[in-house]
Amino acid sequence: MPDPSRPLKIKNFGKDRTFSSISELKEVLSSEYRNEHISIIYPTKPNGLNAVIYVSVDEFGIVRETYGKKAEIDFSQIGASLMQ
């Protein structure tokens, strides 16, 4: 069962990690997941359904969408829709 105090999750081929804050998630992605492709999963308002974002972290630690426009991830948007 998921820990409600750590609602953010990185899934990376069985090496899953959970986080309690957006800032913690962003820091770990930028520093420990360079040159990797992973997914971020989090419960959304108002009903707690999980959202999944597929991201790629470049060699400079910039987190971008894996598919589509490959725009830089707006972590404030994740925070605004995160159910806590």
PDB file of N, CA and C in Angstrom:
ATOM      1  N   MET A   1       0.843  -1.183   0.000  1.00  0.00           N
ATOM      2  CA  MET A   1       0.000   0.000   0.000  1.00  0.00           C
ATOM      3  C   MET A   1       0.889   1.247   0.000  1.00  0.00           C
ATOM      4  N   PRO A   2       0.566   2.251  -0.824  1.00  0.00           N
ATOM      5  CA  PRO A   2       1.388   3.458  -0.891  1.00  0.00           C
ATOM      6  C   PRO A   2       1.383   4.244   0.414  1.00  0.00           C
ATOM      7  N   ASP A   3       2.500   4.877   0.690  1.00  0.00           N
ATOM      8  CA  ASP A   3       2.643   5.723   1.874  1.00  0.00           C
ATOM      9  C   ASP A   3       2.098   7.109   1.529  1.00  0.00           C
ATOM     10  N   PRO A   4       0.995   7.557   2.161  1.00  0.00           N
ATOM     11  CA  PRO A   4       0.413   8.852   1.815  1.00  0.00           C
ATOM     12  C   PRO A   4       1.322  10.040   2.113  1.00  0.00           C
ATOM     13  N   SER A   5       2.330   9.854   2.960  1.00  0.00           N
ATOM     14  CA  SER A   5       3.248  10.956   3.250  1.00  0.00           C
ATOM     15  C   SER A   5       4.327  11.091   2.168  1.00  0.00           C
ATOM     16  N   ARG A   6       4.379  10.115   1.250  1.00  0.00           N
ATOM     17  CA  ARG A   6       5.357  10.143   0.150  1.00  0.00           C
ATOM     18  C   ARG A   6       4.613   9.837  -1.155  1.00  0.00           C
ATOM     19  N   PRO A   7       3.787  10.786  -1.623  1.00  0.00           N
ATOM     20  CA  PRO A   7       2.890  10.497  -2.745  1.00  0.00           C
ATOM     21  C   PRO A   7       3.532  10.471  -4.131  1.00  0.00           C
ATOM     22  N   LEU A   8       4.717  11.021  -4.272  1.00  0.00           N
ATOM     23  CA  LEU A   8       5.375  11.083  -5.581  1.00  0.00           C
ATOM     24  C   LEU A   8       6.260   9.858  -5.770  1.00  0.00           C
ATOM     25  N   LYS A   9       6.187   9.254  -6.951  1.00  0.00           N
ATOM     26  CA  LYS A   9       6.967   8.035  -7.184  1.00  0.00           C
ATOM     27  C   LYS A   9       7.692   8.114  -8.520  1.00  0.00           C
ATOM     28  N   ILE A  10       8.941   7.660  -8.508  1.00  0.00           N
ATOM     29  CA  ILE A  10       9.714   7.446  -9.728  1.00  0.00           C
ATOM     30  C   ILE A  10       9.714   5.944  -9.973  1.00  0.00           C
ATOM     31  N   LYS A  11       9.360   5.549 -11.189  1.00  0.00           N
ATOM     32  CA  LYS A  11       9.460   4.144 -11.579  1.00  0.00           C
ATOM     33  C   LYS A  11      10.571   4.045 -12.611  1.00  0.00           C
ATOM     34  N   ASN A  12      11.514   3.157 -12.309  1.00  0.00           N
ATOM     35  CA  ASN A  12      12.691   3.023 -13.158  1.00  0.00           C
ATOM     36  C   ASN A  12      13.116   1.560 -13.200  1.00  0.00           C
ATOM     37  N   PHE A  13      12.384   0.758 -13.953  1.00  0.00           N
ATOM     38  CA  PHE A  13      12.732  -0.643 -14.164  1.00  0.00           C
ATOM     39  C   PHE A  13      13.011  -1.391 -12.865  1.00  0.00           C
ATOM     40  N   GLY A  14      12.080  -1.308 -11.924  1.00  0.00           N
ATOM     41  CA  GLY A  14      12.197  -2.034 -10.667  1.00  0.00           C
ATOM     42  C   GLY A  14      12.949  -1.301  -9.580  1.00  0.00           C
ATOM     43  N   LYS A  15      13.535  -0.161  -9.894  1.00  0.00           N
ATOM     44  CA  LYS A  15      14.250   0.634  -8.892  1.00  0.00           C
ATOM     45  C   LYS A  15      13.380   1.833  -8.515  1.00  0.00           C
ATOM     46  N   ASP A  16      12.204   1.536  -7.990  1.00  0.00           N
ATOM     47  CA  ASP A  16      11.234   2.576  -7.665  1.00  0.00           C
ATOM     48  C   ASP A  16      11.647   3.337  -6.412  1.00  0.00           C
ATOM     49  N   ARG A  17      11.317   4.627  -6.396  1.00  0.00           N
ATOM     50  CA  ARG A  17      11.593   5.482  -5.232  1.00  0.00           C
ATOM     51  C   ARG A  17      10.393   6.381  -5.010  1.00  0.00           C
ATOM     52  N   THR A  18      10.157   6.731  -3.748  1.00  0.00           N
ATOM     53  CA  THR A  18       9.063   7.640  -3.418  1.00  0.00           C
ATOM     54  C   THR A  18       9.614   8.907  -2.775  1.00  0.00           C
ATOM     55  N   PHE A  19       8.825   9.979  -2.889  1.00  0.00           N
ATOM     56  CA  PHE A  19       9.249  11.289  -2.402  1.00  0.00           C
ATOM     57  C   PHE A  19       8.085  11.994  -1.730  1.00  0.00           C
ATOM     58  N   SER A  20       8.417  12.836  -0.762  1.00  0.00           N
ATOM     59  CA  SER A  20       7.381  13.567  -0.034  1.00  0.00           C
ATOM     60  C   SER A  20       7.156  14.968  -0.580  1.00  0.00           C
ATOM     61  N   SER A  21       8.065  15.463  -1.432  1.00  0.00           N
ATOM     62  CA  SER A  21       7.907  16.831  -1.935  1.00  0.00           C
ATOM     63  C   SER A  21       8.385  16.953  -3.382  1.00  0.00           C
ATOM     64  N   ILE A  22       7.864  17.973  -4.045  1.00  0.00           N
ATOM     65  CA  ILE A  22       8.273  18.272  -5.413  1.00  0.00           C
ATOM     66  C   ILE A  22       9.754  18.646  -5.456  1.00  0.00           C
ATOM     67  N   SER A  23      10.205  19.440  -4.490  1.00  0.00           N
ATOM     68  CA  SER A  23      11.612  19.866  -4.492  1.00  0.00           C
ATOM     69  C   SER A  23      12.557  18.680  -4.337  1.00  0.00           C
ATOM     70  N   GLU A  24      12.194  17.726  -3.492  1.00  0.00           N
ATOM     71  CA  GLU A  24      13.007  16.517  -3.321  1.00  0.00           C
ATOM     72  C   GLU A  24      13.039  15.712  -4.625  1.00  0.00           C
ATOM     73  N   LEU A  25      11.892  15.550  -5.251  1.00  0.00           N
ATOM     74  CA  LEU A  25      11.802  14.827  -6.521  1.00  0.00           C
ATOM     75  C   LEU A  25      12.678  15.488  -7.581  1.00  0.00           C
ATOM     76  N   LYS A  26      12.548  16.795  -7.726  1.00  0.00           N
ATOM     77  CA  LYS A  26      13.305  17.537  -8.740  1.00  0.00           C
ATOM     78  C   LYS A  26      14.811  17.424  -8.507  1.00  0.00           C
ATOM     79  N   GLU A  27      15.237  17.553  -7.263  1.00  0.00           N
ATOM     80  CA  GLU A  27      16.666  17.475  -6.930  1.00  0.00           C
ATOM     81  C   GLU A  27      17.241  16.099  -7.264  1.00  0.00           C
ATOM     82  N   VAL A  28      16.527  15.049  -6.879  1.00  0.00           N
ATOM     83  CA  VAL A  28      17.012  13.688  -7.132  1.00  0.00           C
ATOM     84  C   VAL A  28      17.043  13.394  -8.631  1.00  0.00           C
ATOM     85  N   LEU A  29      16.005  13.800  -9.352  1.00  0.00           N
ATOM     86  CA  LEU A  29      16.002  13.586 -10.801  1.00  0.00           C
ATOM     87  C   LEU A  29      17.203  14.258 -11.454  1.00  0.00           C
ATOM     88  N   SER A  30      17.425  15.517 -11.114  1.00  0.00           N
ATOM     89  CA  SER A  30      18.499  16.302 -11.738  1.00  0.00           C
ATOM     90  C   SER A  30      19.893  15.790 -11.403  1.00  0.00           C
ATOM     91  N   SER A  31      20.044  15.207 -10.228  1.00  0.00           N
ATOM     92  CA  SER A  31      21.385  14.794  -9.809  1.00  0.00           C
ATOM     93  C   SER A  31      21.673  13.306 -10.003  1.00  0.00           C
ATOM     94  N   GLU A  32      20.665  12.449  -9.850  1.00  0.00           N
ATOM     95  CA  GLU A  32      20.918  11.007  -9.856  1.00  0.00           C
ATOM     96  C   GLU A  32      20.406  10.262 -11.088  1.00  0.00           C
ATOM     97  N   TYR A  33      19.635  10.922 -11.931  1.00  0.00           N
ATOM     98  CA  TYR A  33      19.025  10.227 -13.067  1.00  0.00           C
ATOM     99  C   TYR A  33      19.421  10.822 -14.412  1.00  0.00           C
ATOM    100  N   ARG A  34      20.594  11.420 -14.490  1.00  0.00           N
ATOM    101  CA  ARG A  34      21.048  12.011 -15.753  1.00  0.00           C
ATOM    102  C   ARG A  34      21.195  10.933 -16.826  1.00  0.00           C
ATOM    103  N   ASN A  35      20.792  11.296 -18.028  1.00  0.00           N
ATOM    104  CA  ASN A  35      20.841  10.395 -19.190  1.00  0.00           C
ATOM    105  C   ASN A  35      19.958   9.164 -19.021  1.00  0.00           C
ATOM    106  N   GLU A  36      18.848   9.318 -18.295  1.00  0.00           N
ATOM    107  CA  GLU A  36      17.915   8.206 -18.110  1.00  0.00           C
ATOM    108  C   GLU A  36      16.506   8.632 -18.487  1.00  0.00           C
ATOM    109  N   HIS A  37      15.671   7.625 -18.756  1.00  0.00           N
ATOM    110  CA  HIS A  37      14.265   7.820 -19.092  1.00  0.00           C
ATOM    111  C   HIS A  37      13.456   7.083 -18.030  1.00  0.00           C
ATOM    112  N   ILE A  38      12.563   7.791 -17.373  1.00  0.00           N
ATOM    113  CA  ILE A  38      11.800   7.203 -16.273  1.00  0.00           C
ATOM    114  C   ILE A  38      10.368   7.721 -16.307  1.00  0.00           C
ATOM    115  N   SER A  39       9.546   7.235 -15.380  1.00  0.00           N
ATOM    116  CA  SER A  39       8.192   7.773 -15.247  1.00  0.00           C
ATOM    117  C   SER A  39       8.001   8.321 -13.837  1.00  0.00           C
ATOM    118  N   ILE A  40       7.189   9.366 -13.763  1.00  0.00           N
ATOM    119  CA  ILE A  40       6.790   9.959 -12.487  1.00  0.00           C
ATOM    120  C   ILE A  40       5.306   9.661 -12.327  1.00  0.00           C
ATOM    121  N   ILE A  41       4.929   9.130 -11.174  1.00  0.00           N
ATOM    122  CA  ILE A  41       3.534   8.789 -10.904  1.00  0.00           C
ATOM    123  C   ILE A  41       3.114   9.509  -9.632  1.00  0.00           C
ATOM    124  N   TYR A  42       1.919  10.115  -9.676  1.00  0.00           N
ATOM    125  CA  TYR A  42       1.426  10.830  -8.496  1.00  0.00           C
ATOM    126  C   TYR A  42      -0.098  10.894  -8.521  1.00  0.00           C
ATOM    127  N   PRO A  43      -0.739  10.912  -7.328  1.00  0.00           N
ATOM    128  CA  PRO A  43      -2.199  11.019  -7.261  1.00  0.00           C
ATOM    129  C   PRO A  43      -2.637  12.461  -7.515  1.00  0.00           C
ATOM    130  N   THR A  44      -3.717  12.613  -8.284  1.00  0.00           N
ATOM    131  CA  THR A  44      -4.187  13.945  -8.646  1.00  0.00           C
ATOM    132  C   THR A  44      -5.486  14.314  -7.932  1.00  0.00           C
ATOM    133  N   LYS A  45      -5.688  15.636  -7.820  1.00  0.00           N
ATOM    134  CA  LYS A  45      -6.947  16.154  -7.282  1.00  0.00           C
ATOM    135  C   LYS A  45      -8.027  15.915  -8.322  1.00  0.00           C
ATOM    136  N   PRO A  46      -9.266  15.785  -8.019  1.00  0.00           N
ATOM    137  CA  PRO A  46      -9.855  15.779  -6.689  1.00  0.00           C
ATOM    138  C   PRO A  46     -10.045  14.379  -6.133  1.00  0.00           C
ATOM    139  N   ASN A  47      -9.806  13.339  -6.970  1.00  0.00           N
ATOM    140  CA  ASN A  47     -10.188  11.987  -6.560  1.00  0.00           C
ATOM    141  C   ASN A  47      -9.036  11.021  -6.346  1.00  0.00           C
ATOM    142  N   GLY A  48      -7.803  11.443  -6.539  1.00  0.00           N
ATOM    143  CA  GLY A  48      -6.659  10.586  -6.269  1.00  0.00           C
ATOM    144  C   GLY A  48      -6.240   9.661  -7.388  1.00  0.00           C
ATOM    145  N   LEU A  49      -6.841   9.814  -8.581  1.00  0.00           N
ATOM    146  CA  LEU A  49      -6.402   8.985  -9.705  1.00  0.00           C
ATOM    147  C   LEU A  49      -4.952   9.302 -10.043  1.00  0.00           C
ATOM    148  N   ASN A  50      -4.187   8.271 -10.367  1.00  0.00           N
ATOM    149  CA  ASN A  50      -2.767   8.464 -10.656  1.00  0.00           C
ATOM    150  C   ASN A  50      -2.539   9.078 -12.031  1.00  0.00           C
ATOM    151  N   ALA A  51      -1.648  10.054 -12.074  1.00  0.00           N
ATOM    152  CA  ALA A  51      -1.158  10.619 -13.331  1.00  0.00           C
ATOM    153  C   ALA A  51       0.227  10.035 -13.567  1.00  0.00           C
ATOM    154  N   VAL A  52       0.553   9.807 -14.831  1.00  0.00           N
ATOM    155  CA  VAL A  52       1.868   9.284 -15.196  1.00  0.00           C
ATOM    156  C   VAL A  52       2.492  10.246 -16.204  1.00  0.00           C
ATOM    157  N   ILE A  53       3.724  10.653 -15.932  1.00  0.00           N
ATOM    158  CA  ILE A  53       4.473  11.504 -16.847  1.00  0.00           C
ATOM    159  C   ILE A  53       5.759  10.764 -17.193  1.00  0.00           C
ATOM    160  N   TYR A  54       5.997  10.599 -18.484  1.00  0.00           N
ATOM    161  CA  TYR A  54       7.235   9.963 -18.937  1.00  0.00           C
ATOM    162  C   TYR A  54       8.249  11.068 -19.197  1.00  0.00           C
ATOM    163  N   VAL A  55       9.400  10.970 -18.532  1.00  0.00           N
ATOM    164  CA  VAL A  55      10.396  12.031 -18.624  1.00  0.00           C
ATOM    165  C   VAL A  55      11.769  11.474 -18.995  1.00  0.00           C
ATOM    166  N   SER A  56      12.571  12.368 -19.549  1.00  0.00           N
ATOM    167  CA  SER A  56      13.970  12.082 -19.855  1.00  0.00           C
ATOM    168  C   SER A  56      14.798  13.158 -19.176  1.00  0.00           C
ATOM    169  N   VAL A  57      15.878  12.746 -18.538  1.00  0.00           N
ATOM    170  CA  VAL A  57      16.783  13.691 -17.885  1.00  0.00           C
ATOM    171  C   VAL A  57      18.041  13.754 -18.742  1.00  0.00           C
ATOM    172  N   ASP A  58      18.386  14.961 -19.197  1.00  0.00           N
ATOM    173  CA  ASP A  58      19.554  15.071 -20.069  1.00  0.00           C
ATOM    174  C   ASP A  58      20.849  15.122 -19.259  1.00  0.00           C
ATOM    175  N   GLU A  59      21.973  15.246 -19.950  1.00  0.00           N
ATOM    176  CA  GLU A  59      23.282  15.215 -19.284  1.00  0.00           C
ATOM    177  C   GLU A  59      23.523  16.417 -18.376  1.00  0.00           C
ATOM    178  N   PHE A  60      22.702  17.458 -18.529  1.00  0.00           N
ATOM    179  CA  PHE A  60      22.829  18.648 -17.685  1.00  0.00           C
ATOM    180  C   PHE A  60      21.861  18.629 -16.504  1.00  0.00           C
ATOM    181  N   GLY A  61      21.038  17.568 -16.406  1.00  0.00           N
ATOM    182  CA  GLY A  61      20.074  17.452 -15.318  1.00  0.00           C
ATOM    183  C   GLY A  61      18.748  18.118 -15.592  1.00  0.00           C
ATOM    184  N   ILE A  62      18.506  18.515 -16.835  1.00  0.00           N
ATOM    185  CA  ILE A  62      17.224  19.128 -17.193  1.00  0.00           C
ATOM    186  C   ILE A  62      16.221  18.019 -17.478  1.00  0.00           C
ATOM    187  N   VAL A  63      15.046  18.114 -16.853  1.00  0.00           N
ATOM    188  CA  VAL A  63      14.009  17.092 -16.963  1.00  0.00           C
ATOM    189  C   VAL A  63      13.011  17.530 -18.034  1.00  0.00           C
ATOM    190  N   ARG A  64      12.830  16.684 -19.053  1.00  0.00           N
ATOM    191  CA  ARG A  64      11.946  17.008 -20.178  1.00  0.00           C
ATOM    192  C   ARG A  64      10.963  15.870 -20.439  1.00  0.00           C
ATOM    193  N   GLU A  65       9.871  16.208 -21.142  1.00  0.00           N
ATOM    194  CA  GLU A  65       8.930  15.186 -21.589  1.00  0.00           C
ATOM    195  C   GLU A  65       9.678  14.217 -22.502  1.00  0.00           C
ATOM    196  N   THR A  66       9.416  12.938 -22.355  1.00  0.00           N
ATOM    197  CA  THR A  66      10.041  11.952 -23.234  1.00  0.00           C
ATOM    198  C   THR A  66       9.385  11.981 -24.606  1.00  0.00           C
ATOM    199  N   TYR A  67       8.069  12.183 -24.638  1.00  0.00           N
ATOM    200  CA  TYR A  67       7.319  12.159 -25.896  1.00  0.00           C
ATOM    201  C   TYR A  67       6.747  13.544 -26.185  1.00  0.00           C
ATOM    202  N   GLY A  68       6.268  13.732 -27.396  1.00  0.00           N
ATOM    203  CA  GLY A  68       5.631  15.000 -27.758  1.00  0.00           C
ATOM    204  C   GLY A  68       6.646  16.091 -28.021  1.00  0.00           C
ATOM    205  N   LYS A  69       6.392  17.271 -27.460  1.00  0.00           N
ATOM    206  CA  LYS A  69       7.234  18.442 -27.720  1.00  0.00           C
ATOM    207  C   LYS A  69       8.569  18.408 -26.990  1.00  0.00           C
ATOM    208  N   LYS A  70       8.719  17.464 -26.073  1.00  0.00           N
ATOM    209  CA  LYS A  70       9.944  17.332 -25.272  1.00  0.00           C
ATOM    210  C   LYS A  70      10.242  18.605 -24.479  1.00  0.00           C
ATOM    211  N   ALA A  71       9.157  19.233 -24.030  1.00  0.00           N
ATOM    212  CA  ALA A  71       9.272  20.463 -23.243  1.00  0.00           C
ATOM    213  C   ALA A  71       9.827  20.158 -21.858  1.00  0.00           C
ATOM    214  N   GLU A  72      10.447  21.165 -21.263  1.00  0.00           N
ATOM    215  CA  GLU A  72      10.936  21.030 -19.894  1.00  0.00           C
ATOM    216  C   GLU A  72       9.736  20.849 -18.963  1.00  0.00           C
ATOM    217  N   ILE A  73       9.865  19.955 -17.998  1.00  0.00           N
ATOM    218  CA  ILE A  73       8.767  19.660 -17.074  1.00  0.00           C
ATOM    219  C   ILE A  73       8.527  20.850 -16.155  1.00  0.00           C
ATOM    220  N   ASP A  74       7.255  21.218 -16.010  1.00  0.00           N
ATOM    221  CA  ASP A  74       6.845  22.299 -15.117  1.00  0.00           C
ATOM    222  C   ASP A  74       6.446  21.659 -13.783  1.00  0.00           C
ATOM    223  N   PHE A  75       7.376  21.629 -12.846  1.00  0.00           N
ATOM    224  CA  PHE A  75       7.123  20.980 -11.565  1.00  0.00           C
ATOM    225  C   PHE A  75       6.050  21.707 -10.758  1.00  0.00           C
ATOM    226  N   SER A  76       5.852  22.999 -10.991  1.00  0.00           N
ATOM    227  CA  SER A  76       4.791  23.721 -10.275  1.00  0.00           C
ATOM    228  C   SER A  76       3.417  23.215 -10.707  1.00  0.00           C
ATOM    229  N   GLN A  77       3.290  22.779 -11.951  1.00  0.00           N
ATOM    230  CA  GLN A  77       2.024  22.225 -12.426  1.00  0.00           C
ATOM    231  C   GLN A  77       1.754  20.878 -11.749  1.00  0.00           C
ATOM    232  N   ILE A  78       2.789  20.082 -11.556  1.00  0.00           N
ATOM    233  CA  ILE A  78       2.624  18.821 -10.825  1.00  0.00           C
ATOM    234  C   ILE A  78       2.167  19.127  -9.405  1.00  0.00           C
ATOM    235  N   GLY A  79       2.821  20.087  -8.763  1.00  0.00           N
ATOM    236  CA  GLY A  79       2.452  20.465  -7.396  1.00  0.00           C
ATOM    237  C   GLY A  79       1.028  20.955  -7.284  1.00  0.00           C
ATOM    238  N   ALA A  80       0.558  21.702  -8.282  1.00  0.00           N
ATOM    239  CA  ALA A  80      -0.800  22.244  -8.254  1.00  0.00           C
ATOM    240  C   ALA A  80      -1.856  21.156  -8.386  1.00  0.00           C
ATOM    241  N   SER A  81      -1.543  20.073  -9.100  1.00  0.00           N
ATOM    242  CA  SER A  81      -2.532  19.016  -9.292  1.00  0.00           C
ATOM    243  C   SER A  81      -2.348  17.841  -8.335  1.00  0.00           C
ATOM    244  N   LEU A  82      -1.301  17.869  -7.526  1.00  0.00           N
ATOM    245  CA  LEU A  82      -1.000  16.775  -6.594  1.00  0.00           C
ATOM    246  C   LEU A  82      -2.015  16.730  -5.460  1.00  0.00           C
ATOM    247  N   MET A  83      -2.581  15.553  -5.234  1.00  0.00           N
ATOM    248  CA  MET A  83      -3.520  15.358  -4.123  1.00  0.00           C
ATOM    249  C   MET A  83      -2.724  15.002  -2.880  1.00  0.00           C
ATOM    250  N   GLN A  84      -2.877  15.821  -1.828  1.00  0.00           N
ATOM    251  CA  GLN A  84      -2.161  15.532  -0.580  1.00  0.00           C
ATOM    252  C   GLN A  84      -3.095  15.527   0.586  1.00  0.00           C
TER     253      GLN A  84
END
